[in-house]
């Protein structure tokens, strides 16, 4: 990400570049896509008997290293989005619910298809950090991190690295 930031010659800070520059955002998304594509390619090379071994790792330990690297990369990419103030339509609905009283929010979520526990998390963060973009993006990132941690621990131990 920083490579695209410095090579692109941006004078703004990173989050401003994401918000204000379509070209930079495209570069950022392209880099994230390349990282997402490289991991299975490298994993396939390892599975097909990639002979070069600079360290004495076996295939399982290489797969675990790639798994944790990918998990960390996706977690950091998600964290970078916490500093973005651009919201989609459904996020606007969530922001509107967070600004309601708790009683009104419960009534509004009764007819919604989304789980109300997420809206309670958003409301709690709204009460803690106030009405700003970071609060709402953080409310999406925290459950994402919980899923990544679950994949790194329980799912990997029970079902293996490939499933996780």
N, C-alpha and C. Protein backbone atom coordinates (compact mmCIF):
# COMPACT_ATOMS: atom_id res chain seq x y z
N UNK A 1 0.82 -1.18 0.00
CA UNK A 1 0.00 0.00 0.00
C UNK A 1 0.87 1.24 0.00
N UNK A 2 1.90 1.21 0.82
CA UNK A 2 2.79 2.36 0.86
C UNK A 2 3.57 2.51 -0.44
N UNK A 3 3.81 1.39 -1.12
CA UNK A 3 4.50 1.47 -2.41
C UNK A 3 3.67 2.29 -3.38
N UNK A 4 2.37 2.02 -3.45
CA UNK A 4 1.52 2.80 -4.35
C UNK A 4 1.42 4.24 -3.88
N UNK A 5 1.54 4.47 -2.59
CA UNK A 5 1.46 5.82 -2.05
C UNK A 5 2.67 6.64 -2.48
N UNK A 6 3.87 6.07 -2.31
CA UNK A 6 5.08 6.81 -2.63
C UNK A 6 5.37 6.84 -4.13
N UNK A 7 5.12 5.75 -4.83
CA UNK A 7 5.37 5.71 -6.27
C UNK A 7 4.39 6.64 -6.99
N UNK A 8 3.16 6.69 -6.48
CA UNK A 8 2.17 7.56 -7.09
C UNK A 8 2.44 9.03 -6.88
N UNK A 9 3.37 9.39 -6.01
CA UNK A 9 3.74 10.78 -5.79
C UNK A 9 2.66 11.59 -5.10
N UNK A 10 2.01 11.04 -4.12
CA UNK A 10 0.94 11.74 -3.42
C UNK A 10 1.52 12.64 -2.34
N UNK A 11 0.97 13.84 -2.24
CA UNK A 11 1.43 14.77 -1.21
C UNK A 11 0.49 14.78 0.00
N UNK A 12 -0.68 14.16 -0.11
CA UNK A 12 -1.63 14.11 0.99
C UNK A 12 -1.31 12.92 1.88
N UNK A 13 -1.96 12.87 3.06
CA UNK A 13 -1.76 11.66 3.86
C UNK A 13 -2.55 10.52 3.24
N UNK A 14 -2.33 9.32 3.75
CA UNK A 14 -2.84 8.11 3.10
C UNK A 14 -4.36 8.11 3.00
N UNK A 15 -5.06 8.41 4.10
CA UNK A 15 -6.52 8.35 4.07
C UNK A 15 -7.10 9.44 3.17
N UNK A 16 -6.47 10.62 3.12
CA UNK A 16 -6.94 11.66 2.21
C UNK A 16 -6.75 11.24 0.76
N UNK A 17 -5.65 10.55 0.49
CA UNK A 17 -5.41 10.07 -0.87
C UNK A 17 -6.48 9.07 -1.28
N UNK A 18 -6.88 8.18 -0.35
CA UNK A 18 -7.94 7.22 -0.66
C UNK A 18 -9.26 7.92 -0.91
N UNK A 19 -9.55 8.96 -0.12
CA UNK A 19 -10.83 9.65 -0.24
C UNK A 19 -10.91 10.55 -1.46
N UNK A 20 -9.79 11.19 -1.82
CA UNK A 20 -9.83 12.24 -2.83
C UNK A 20 -9.34 11.83 -4.22
N UNK A 21 -8.60 10.77 -4.32
CA UNK A 21 -7.99 10.42 -5.60
C UNK A 21 -8.51 9.08 -6.09
N UNK A 22 -9.25 9.13 -7.19
CA UNK A 22 -9.77 7.89 -7.77
C UNK A 22 -8.62 7.02 -8.25
N UNK A 23 -7.61 7.63 -8.86
CA UNK A 23 -6.46 6.87 -9.35
C UNK A 23 -5.73 6.14 -8.23
N UNK A 24 -5.55 6.83 -7.11
CA UNK A 24 -4.86 6.19 -5.99
C UNK A 24 -5.70 5.06 -5.42
N UNK A 25 -7.00 5.26 -5.34
CA UNK A 25 -7.88 4.20 -4.85
C UNK A 25 -7.83 2.98 -5.75
N UNK A 26 -7.78 3.21 -7.06
CA UNK A 26 -7.67 2.09 -8.00
C UNK A 26 -6.34 1.37 -7.80
N UNK A 27 -5.25 2.12 -7.61
CA UNK A 27 -3.95 1.50 -7.34
C UNK A 27 -3.99 0.68 -6.06
N UNK A 28 -4.62 1.23 -5.03
CA UNK A 28 -4.74 0.55 -3.75
C UNK A 28 -5.52 -0.76 -3.89
N UNK A 29 -6.64 -0.70 -4.61
CA UNK A 29 -7.44 -1.89 -4.80
C UNK A 29 -6.72 -2.91 -5.68
N UNK A 30 -5.95 -2.43 -6.66
CA UNK A 30 -5.18 -3.35 -7.51
C UNK A 30 -4.13 -4.08 -6.68
N UNK A 31 -3.45 -3.35 -5.79
CA UNK A 31 -2.45 -3.99 -4.94
C UNK A 31 -3.10 -5.02 -4.01
N UNK A 32 -4.25 -4.68 -3.45
CA UNK A 32 -4.95 -5.64 -2.59
C UNK A 32 -5.36 -6.87 -3.39
N UNK A 33 -5.78 -6.68 -4.63
CA UNK A 33 -6.15 -7.82 -5.48
C UNK A 33 -4.95 -8.68 -5.81
N UNK A 34 -3.81 -8.05 -6.10
CA UNK A 34 -2.60 -8.81 -6.40
C UNK A 34 -2.19 -9.65 -5.19
N UNK A 35 -2.26 -9.05 -4.00
CA UNK A 35 -1.93 -9.81 -2.79
C UNK A 35 -2.89 -10.98 -2.61
N UNK A 36 -4.16 -10.76 -2.89
CA UNK A 36 -5.13 -11.84 -2.75
C UNK A 36 -4.90 -12.95 -3.77
N UNK A 37 -4.41 -12.60 -4.95
CA UNK A 37 -4.14 -13.60 -5.98
C UNK A 37 -2.81 -14.32 -5.77
N UNK A 38 -1.83 -13.64 -5.19
CA UNK A 38 -0.51 -14.25 -5.00
C UNK A 38 -0.53 -15.39 -3.99
N UNK A 39 -1.32 -15.25 -2.96
CA UNK A 39 -1.31 -16.27 -1.91
C UNK A 39 -1.68 -17.65 -2.42
N UNK A 40 -2.78 -17.84 -3.16
CA UNK A 40 -3.07 -19.20 -3.64
C UNK A 40 -2.06 -19.69 -4.68
N UNK A 41 -1.48 -18.78 -5.46
CA UNK A 41 -0.48 -19.19 -6.45
C UNK A 41 0.75 -19.73 -5.74
N UNK A 42 1.21 -19.02 -4.73
CA UNK A 42 2.38 -19.49 -3.97
C UNK A 42 2.05 -20.79 -3.26
N UNK A 43 0.85 -20.88 -2.72
CA UNK A 43 0.45 -22.11 -2.05
C UNK A 43 0.42 -23.29 -3.03
N UNK A 44 -0.04 -23.04 -4.26
CA UNK A 44 -0.04 -24.10 -5.28
C UNK A 44 1.37 -24.52 -5.63
N UNK A 45 2.27 -23.53 -5.72
CA UNK A 45 3.67 -23.86 -6.02
C UNK A 45 4.25 -24.74 -4.93
N UNK A 46 3.90 -24.45 -3.70
CA UNK A 46 4.39 -25.25 -2.58
C UNK A 46 3.82 -26.66 -2.67
N UNK A 47 2.54 -26.77 -2.96
CA UNK A 47 1.90 -28.09 -3.05
C UNK A 47 2.41 -28.91 -4.23
N UNK A 48 2.82 -28.26 -5.30
CA UNK A 48 3.31 -28.97 -6.48
C UNK A 48 4.79 -29.31 -6.39
N UNK A 49 5.40 -29.06 -5.27
CA UNK A 49 6.78 -29.45 -5.07
C UNK A 49 7.78 -28.38 -5.44
N UNK A 50 7.50 -27.16 -5.08
CA UNK A 50 8.45 -26.08 -5.29
C UNK A 50 9.74 -26.43 -4.55
N UNK A 51 10.81 -26.65 -5.30
CA UNK A 51 12.02 -27.26 -4.74
C UNK A 51 12.91 -26.28 -3.98
N UNK A 52 12.83 -25.01 -4.26
CA UNK A 52 13.71 -24.05 -3.61
C UNK A 52 13.26 -23.84 -2.17
N UNK A 53 14.12 -24.17 -1.23
CA UNK A 53 13.79 -24.01 0.18
C UNK A 53 14.93 -23.27 0.87
N UNK A 54 14.81 -21.93 0.98
CA UNK A 54 15.87 -21.18 1.63
C UNK A 54 15.98 -21.50 3.11
N UNK A 55 14.90 -21.94 3.71
CA UNK A 55 14.89 -22.34 5.11
C UNK A 55 14.42 -23.78 5.17
N UNK A 56 14.62 -24.40 6.27
CA UNK A 56 14.22 -25.81 6.37
C UNK A 56 12.79 -25.92 6.89
N UNK A 57 11.84 -25.40 6.11
CA UNK A 57 10.43 -25.50 6.45
C UNK A 57 9.82 -26.66 5.69
N UNK A 58 8.88 -27.33 6.32
CA UNK A 58 8.13 -28.32 5.56
C UNK A 58 6.89 -27.64 4.97
N UNK A 59 6.14 -28.35 4.16
CA UNK A 59 5.00 -27.76 3.46
C UNK A 59 3.95 -27.23 4.42
N UNK A 60 3.73 -27.95 5.50
CA UNK A 60 2.71 -27.52 6.46
C UNK A 60 3.09 -26.18 7.10
N UNK A 61 4.34 -26.02 7.49
CA UNK A 61 4.74 -24.77 8.12
C UNK A 61 4.71 -23.61 7.12
N UNK A 62 5.03 -23.86 5.85
CA UNK A 62 4.93 -22.82 4.84
C UNK A 62 3.47 -22.41 4.65
N UNK A 63 2.58 -23.39 4.62
CA UNK A 63 1.16 -23.09 4.47
C UNK A 63 0.66 -22.27 5.65
N UNK A 64 1.10 -22.58 6.84
CA UNK A 64 0.68 -21.83 8.02
C UNK A 64 1.22 -20.40 7.97
N UNK A 65 2.48 -20.25 7.55
CA UNK A 65 3.05 -18.90 7.43
C UNK A 65 2.27 -18.08 6.40
N UNK A 66 1.97 -18.67 5.26
CA UNK A 66 1.18 -17.97 4.24
C UNK A 66 -0.22 -17.64 4.75
N UNK A 67 -0.80 -18.55 5.50
CA UNK A 67 -2.13 -18.33 6.06
C UNK A 67 -2.12 -17.13 7.01
N UNK A 68 -1.16 -17.09 7.93
CA UNK A 68 -1.11 -15.97 8.87
C UNK A 68 -0.74 -14.66 8.17
N UNK A 69 0.12 -14.72 7.16
CA UNK A 69 0.47 -13.53 6.40
C UNK A 69 -0.77 -12.97 5.69
N UNK A 70 -1.53 -13.84 5.06
CA UNK A 70 -2.74 -13.41 4.37
C UNK A 70 -3.76 -12.85 5.36
N UNK A 71 -3.93 -13.52 6.48
CA UNK A 71 -4.87 -13.05 7.49
C UNK A 71 -4.47 -11.68 8.01
N UNK A 72 -3.20 -11.50 8.30
CA UNK A 72 -2.72 -10.20 8.78
C UNK A 72 -2.90 -9.13 7.71
N UNK A 73 -2.61 -9.46 6.46
CA UNK A 73 -2.76 -8.50 5.37
C UNK A 73 -4.21 -8.05 5.23
N UNK A 74 -5.14 -9.00 5.23
CA UNK A 74 -6.55 -8.63 5.11
C UNK A 74 -7.03 -7.84 6.33
N UNK A 75 -6.53 -8.18 7.51
CA UNK A 75 -6.89 -7.42 8.71
C UNK A 75 -6.40 -5.99 8.63
N UNK A 76 -5.18 -5.79 8.13
CA UNK A 76 -4.63 -4.44 8.00
C UNK A 76 -5.34 -3.64 6.91
N UNK A 77 -5.69 -4.30 5.81
CA UNK A 77 -6.44 -3.61 4.77
C UNK A 77 -7.80 -3.16 5.32
N UNK A 78 -8.44 -4.02 6.10
CA UNK A 78 -9.70 -3.64 6.72
C UNK A 78 -9.53 -2.49 7.70
N UNK A 79 -8.41 -2.50 8.45
CA UNK A 79 -8.16 -1.42 9.40
C UNK A 79 -7.93 -0.09 8.68
N UNK A 80 -7.27 -0.13 7.53
CA UNK A 80 -7.05 1.10 6.77
C UNK A 80 -8.38 1.74 6.37
N UNK A 81 -9.38 0.92 6.15
CA UNK A 81 -10.69 1.44 5.77
C UNK A 81 -11.37 2.17 6.92
N UNK A 82 -10.92 1.94 8.14
CA UNK A 82 -11.51 2.63 9.30
C UNK A 82 -11.31 4.14 9.21
N UNK A 83 -10.33 4.59 8.44
CA UNK A 83 -10.03 6.01 8.33
C UNK A 83 -10.67 6.63 7.09
N UNK A 84 -11.53 5.89 6.44
CA UNK A 84 -12.23 6.34 5.24
C UNK A 84 -13.58 6.89 5.66
N UNK A 85 -13.97 8.01 5.11
CA UNK A 85 -15.26 8.60 5.45
C UNK A 85 -16.30 8.41 4.36
N UNK A 86 -16.06 7.50 3.45
CA UNK A 86 -17.04 7.20 2.40
C UNK A 86 -17.93 6.05 2.89
N UNK A 87 -19.23 6.23 2.75
CA UNK A 87 -20.18 5.22 3.23
C UNK A 87 -21.10 4.79 2.10
N UNK A 88 -21.50 3.53 2.11
CA UNK A 88 -22.45 3.00 1.15
C UNK A 88 -23.86 3.17 1.73
N UNK A 89 -24.86 2.88 0.92
CA UNK A 89 -26.24 3.08 1.34
C UNK A 89 -26.63 2.31 2.58
N UNK A 90 -26.24 1.04 2.66
CA UNK A 90 -26.61 0.25 3.84
C UNK A 90 -25.88 0.73 5.09
N UNK A 91 -24.69 1.29 4.91
CA UNK A 91 -23.98 1.86 6.06
C UNK A 91 -24.68 3.12 6.56
N UNK A 92 -25.28 3.87 5.63
CA UNK A 92 -26.07 5.04 6.03
C UNK A 92 -27.26 4.64 6.88
N UNK A 93 -27.88 3.52 6.53
CA UNK A 93 -28.99 2.99 7.33
C UNK A 93 -28.52 2.64 8.73
N UNK A 94 -27.35 2.02 8.82
CA UNK A 94 -26.79 1.65 10.13
C UNK A 94 -26.49 2.90 10.95
N UNK A 95 -25.95 3.93 10.31
CA UNK A 95 -25.65 5.18 11.02
C UNK A 95 -26.94 5.81 11.54
N UNK A 96 -27.98 5.78 10.72
CA UNK A 96 -29.27 6.33 11.16
C UNK A 96 -29.79 5.58 12.39
N UNK A 97 -29.65 4.24 12.39
CA UNK A 97 -30.09 3.46 13.54
C UNK A 97 -29.27 3.77 14.78
N UNK A 98 -27.97 3.98 14.62
CA UNK A 98 -27.11 4.25 15.77
C UNK A 98 -27.46 5.58 16.44
N UNK A 99 -27.99 6.50 15.67
CA UNK A 99 -28.35 7.81 16.22
C UNK A 99 -29.69 7.80 16.95
N UNK A 100 -30.46 6.72 16.80
CA UNK A 100 -31.76 6.60 17.47
C UNK A 100 -31.57 6.26 18.95
N UNK A 101 -32.64 6.44 19.71
CA UNK A 101 -32.61 5.94 21.08
C UNK A 101 -32.63 4.41 21.03
N UNK A 102 -32.24 3.78 22.12
CA UNK A 102 -32.16 2.32 22.15
C UNK A 102 -33.54 1.69 21.88
N UNK A 103 -34.58 2.28 22.46
CA UNK A 103 -35.93 1.76 22.27
C UNK A 103 -36.35 1.86 20.81
N UNK A 104 -36.12 3.01 20.18
CA UNK A 104 -36.48 3.18 18.77
C UNK A 104 -35.65 2.27 17.88
N UNK A 105 -34.40 2.05 18.25
CA UNK A 105 -33.54 1.18 17.46
C UNK A 105 -34.04 -0.26 17.50
N UNK A 106 -34.49 -0.71 18.66
CA UNK A 106 -35.02 -2.07 18.79
C UNK A 106 -36.26 -2.23 17.92
N UNK A 107 -37.15 -1.23 17.93
CA UNK A 107 -38.35 -1.30 17.09
C UNK A 107 -37.98 -1.29 15.60
N UNK A 108 -36.99 -0.50 15.24
CA UNK A 108 -36.59 -0.41 13.83
C UNK A 108 -35.94 -1.70 13.35
N UNK A 109 -35.18 -2.36 14.22
CA UNK A 109 -34.50 -3.59 13.79
C UNK A 109 -35.43 -4.80 13.80
N UNK A 110 -36.59 -4.68 14.43
CA UNK A 110 -37.53 -5.81 14.46
C UNK A 110 -37.99 -6.18 13.05
N UNK A 111 -38.09 -5.21 12.17
CA UNK A 111 -38.52 -5.48 10.81
C UNK A 111 -37.37 -5.62 9.83
N UNK A 112 -36.16 -5.62 10.32
CA UNK A 112 -34.98 -5.68 9.46
C UNK A 112 -34.46 -7.11 9.38
N UNK A 113 -33.79 -7.44 8.29
CA UNK A 113 -33.26 -8.80 8.12
C UNK A 113 -31.90 -8.98 8.79
N UNK A 114 -31.24 -7.90 9.16
CA UNK A 114 -29.91 -7.99 9.76
C UNK A 114 -30.01 -8.28 11.26
N UNK A 115 -28.99 -8.93 11.81
CA UNK A 115 -29.03 -9.26 13.24
C UNK A 115 -28.90 -8.00 14.10
N UNK A 116 -29.74 -7.87 15.10
CA UNK A 116 -29.71 -6.65 15.92
C UNK A 116 -28.46 -6.52 16.78
N UNK A 117 -27.76 -7.61 17.04
CA UNK A 117 -26.55 -7.52 17.86
C UNK A 117 -25.51 -6.60 17.22
N UNK A 118 -25.41 -6.62 15.89
CA UNK A 118 -24.48 -5.72 15.20
C UNK A 118 -24.87 -4.26 15.45
N UNK A 119 -26.16 -3.97 15.39
CA UNK A 119 -26.61 -2.61 15.61
C UNK A 119 -26.35 -2.17 17.06
N UNK A 120 -26.44 -3.10 18.00
CA UNK A 120 -26.10 -2.77 19.39
C UNK A 120 -24.61 -2.44 19.51
N UNK A 121 -23.77 -3.17 18.78
CA UNK A 121 -22.33 -2.86 18.76
C UNK A 121 -22.09 -1.46 18.21
N UNK A 122 -22.76 -1.14 17.11
CA UNK A 122 -22.61 0.19 16.51
C UNK A 122 -23.08 1.27 17.48
N UNK A 123 -24.20 1.02 18.14
CA UNK A 123 -24.74 1.99 19.11
C UNK A 123 -23.76 2.18 20.27
N UNK A 124 -23.17 1.08 20.76
CA UNK A 124 -22.20 1.19 21.85
C UNK A 124 -20.98 1.98 21.45
N UNK A 125 -20.46 1.73 20.25
CA UNK A 125 -19.30 2.50 19.78
C UNK A 125 -19.67 3.95 19.52
N UNK A 126 -20.90 4.19 19.06
CA UNK A 126 -21.38 5.55 18.86
C UNK A 126 -21.41 6.31 20.19
N UNK A 127 -21.85 5.63 21.24
CA UNK A 127 -21.87 6.26 22.57
C UNK A 127 -20.46 6.50 23.10
N UNK A 128 -19.53 5.60 22.79
CA UNK A 128 -18.15 5.74 23.27
C UNK A 128 -17.35 6.79 22.50
N UNK A 129 -17.41 6.74 21.17
CA UNK A 129 -16.53 7.56 20.35
C UNK A 129 -17.21 8.73 19.66
N UNK A 130 -18.54 8.77 19.69
CA UNK A 130 -19.24 9.88 19.07
C UNK A 130 -19.57 9.63 17.61
N UNK A 131 -20.09 10.67 16.99
CA UNK A 131 -20.56 10.59 15.61
C UNK A 131 -19.44 10.97 14.65
N UNK A 132 -18.64 9.98 14.24
CA UNK A 132 -17.61 10.23 13.23
C UNK A 132 -17.41 8.98 12.39
N UNK A 133 -16.75 9.14 11.27
CA UNK A 133 -16.57 8.03 10.35
C UNK A 133 -15.80 6.87 10.94
N UNK A 134 -14.79 7.17 11.77
CA UNK A 134 -13.98 6.12 12.38
C UNK A 134 -14.84 5.17 13.21
N UNK A 135 -15.80 5.72 13.93
CA UNK A 135 -16.68 4.91 14.77
C UNK A 135 -17.43 3.87 13.95
N UNK A 136 -18.00 4.31 12.85
CA UNK A 136 -18.83 3.41 12.05
C UNK A 136 -17.99 2.39 11.29
N UNK A 137 -16.83 2.81 10.81
CA UNK A 137 -15.95 1.85 10.12
C UNK A 137 -15.37 0.85 11.12
N UNK A 138 -15.06 1.30 12.33
CA UNK A 138 -14.55 0.41 13.37
C UNK A 138 -15.58 -0.65 13.74
N UNK A 139 -16.86 -0.25 13.72
CA UNK A 139 -17.91 -1.21 14.06
C UNK A 139 -18.02 -2.33 13.03
N UNK A 140 -17.57 -2.10 11.82
CA UNK A 140 -17.54 -3.17 10.81
C UNK A 140 -16.25 -3.97 10.91
N UNK A 141 -15.16 -3.30 11.32
CA UNK A 141 -13.86 -3.97 11.37
C UNK A 141 -13.74 -4.93 12.55
N UNK A 142 -14.32 -4.60 13.68
CA UNK A 142 -14.20 -5.46 14.87
C UNK A 142 -14.80 -6.85 14.65
N UNK A 143 -16.02 -6.99 14.10
CA UNK A 143 -16.52 -8.34 13.82
C UNK A 143 -15.68 -9.06 12.76
N UNK A 144 -15.15 -8.31 11.80
CA UNK A 144 -14.28 -8.89 10.78
C UNK A 144 -13.03 -9.48 11.43
N UNK A 145 -12.46 -8.76 12.38
CA UNK A 145 -11.28 -9.27 13.11
C UNK A 145 -11.65 -10.49 13.94
N UNK A 146 -12.84 -10.48 14.51
CA UNK A 146 -13.28 -11.65 15.29
C UNK A 146 -13.37 -12.88 14.40
N UNK A 147 -13.86 -12.71 13.18
CA UNK A 147 -13.93 -13.83 12.24
C UNK A 147 -12.53 -14.29 11.85
N UNK A 148 -11.62 -13.34 11.61
CA UNK A 148 -10.24 -13.71 11.27
C UNK A 148 -9.58 -14.47 12.42
N UNK A 149 -9.79 -14.02 13.65
CA UNK A 149 -9.22 -14.72 14.81
C UNK A 149 -9.84 -16.11 14.97
N UNK A 150 -11.12 -16.22 14.71
CA UNK A 150 -11.78 -17.52 14.75
C UNK A 150 -11.19 -18.45 13.69
N UNK A 151 -10.93 -17.91 12.51
CA UNK A 151 -10.32 -18.72 11.44
C UNK A 151 -8.91 -19.15 11.82
N UNK A 152 -8.17 -18.26 12.49
CA UNK A 152 -6.79 -18.58 12.88
C UNK A 152 -6.72 -19.58 14.02
N UNK A 153 -7.74 -19.66 14.82
CA UNK A 153 -7.65 -20.52 16.00
C UNK A 153 -8.52 -21.77 15.84
N UNK A 154 -9.78 -21.64 16.07
CA UNK A 154 -10.68 -22.79 16.14
C UNK A 154 -10.81 -23.50 14.79
N UNK A 155 -11.10 -22.76 13.74
CA UNK A 155 -11.33 -23.39 12.44
C UNK A 155 -10.06 -24.05 11.92
N UNK A 156 -8.91 -23.39 12.08
CA UNK A 156 -7.66 -23.98 11.61
C UNK A 156 -7.34 -25.26 12.37
N UNK A 157 -7.56 -25.26 13.68
CA UNK A 157 -7.25 -26.45 14.48
C UNK A 157 -8.21 -27.60 14.20
N UNK A 158 -9.48 -27.29 13.98
CA UNK A 158 -10.48 -28.33 13.76
C UNK A 158 -10.51 -28.86 12.33
N UNK A 159 -10.33 -27.95 11.34
CA UNK A 159 -10.55 -28.33 9.95
C UNK A 159 -9.33 -28.16 9.05
N UNK A 160 -8.26 -27.56 9.56
CA UNK A 160 -7.04 -27.42 8.77
C UNK A 160 -6.88 -26.04 8.16
N UNK A 161 -5.69 -25.82 7.61
CA UNK A 161 -5.32 -24.51 7.07
C UNK A 161 -6.13 -24.18 5.82
N UNK A 162 -6.36 -25.15 4.97
CA UNK A 162 -7.07 -24.90 3.71
C UNK A 162 -8.49 -24.40 3.98
N UNK A 163 -9.19 -25.03 4.89
CA UNK A 163 -10.55 -24.62 5.23
C UNK A 163 -10.56 -23.25 5.88
N UNK A 164 -9.63 -23.01 6.78
CA UNK A 164 -9.56 -21.72 7.47
C UNK A 164 -9.26 -20.62 6.49
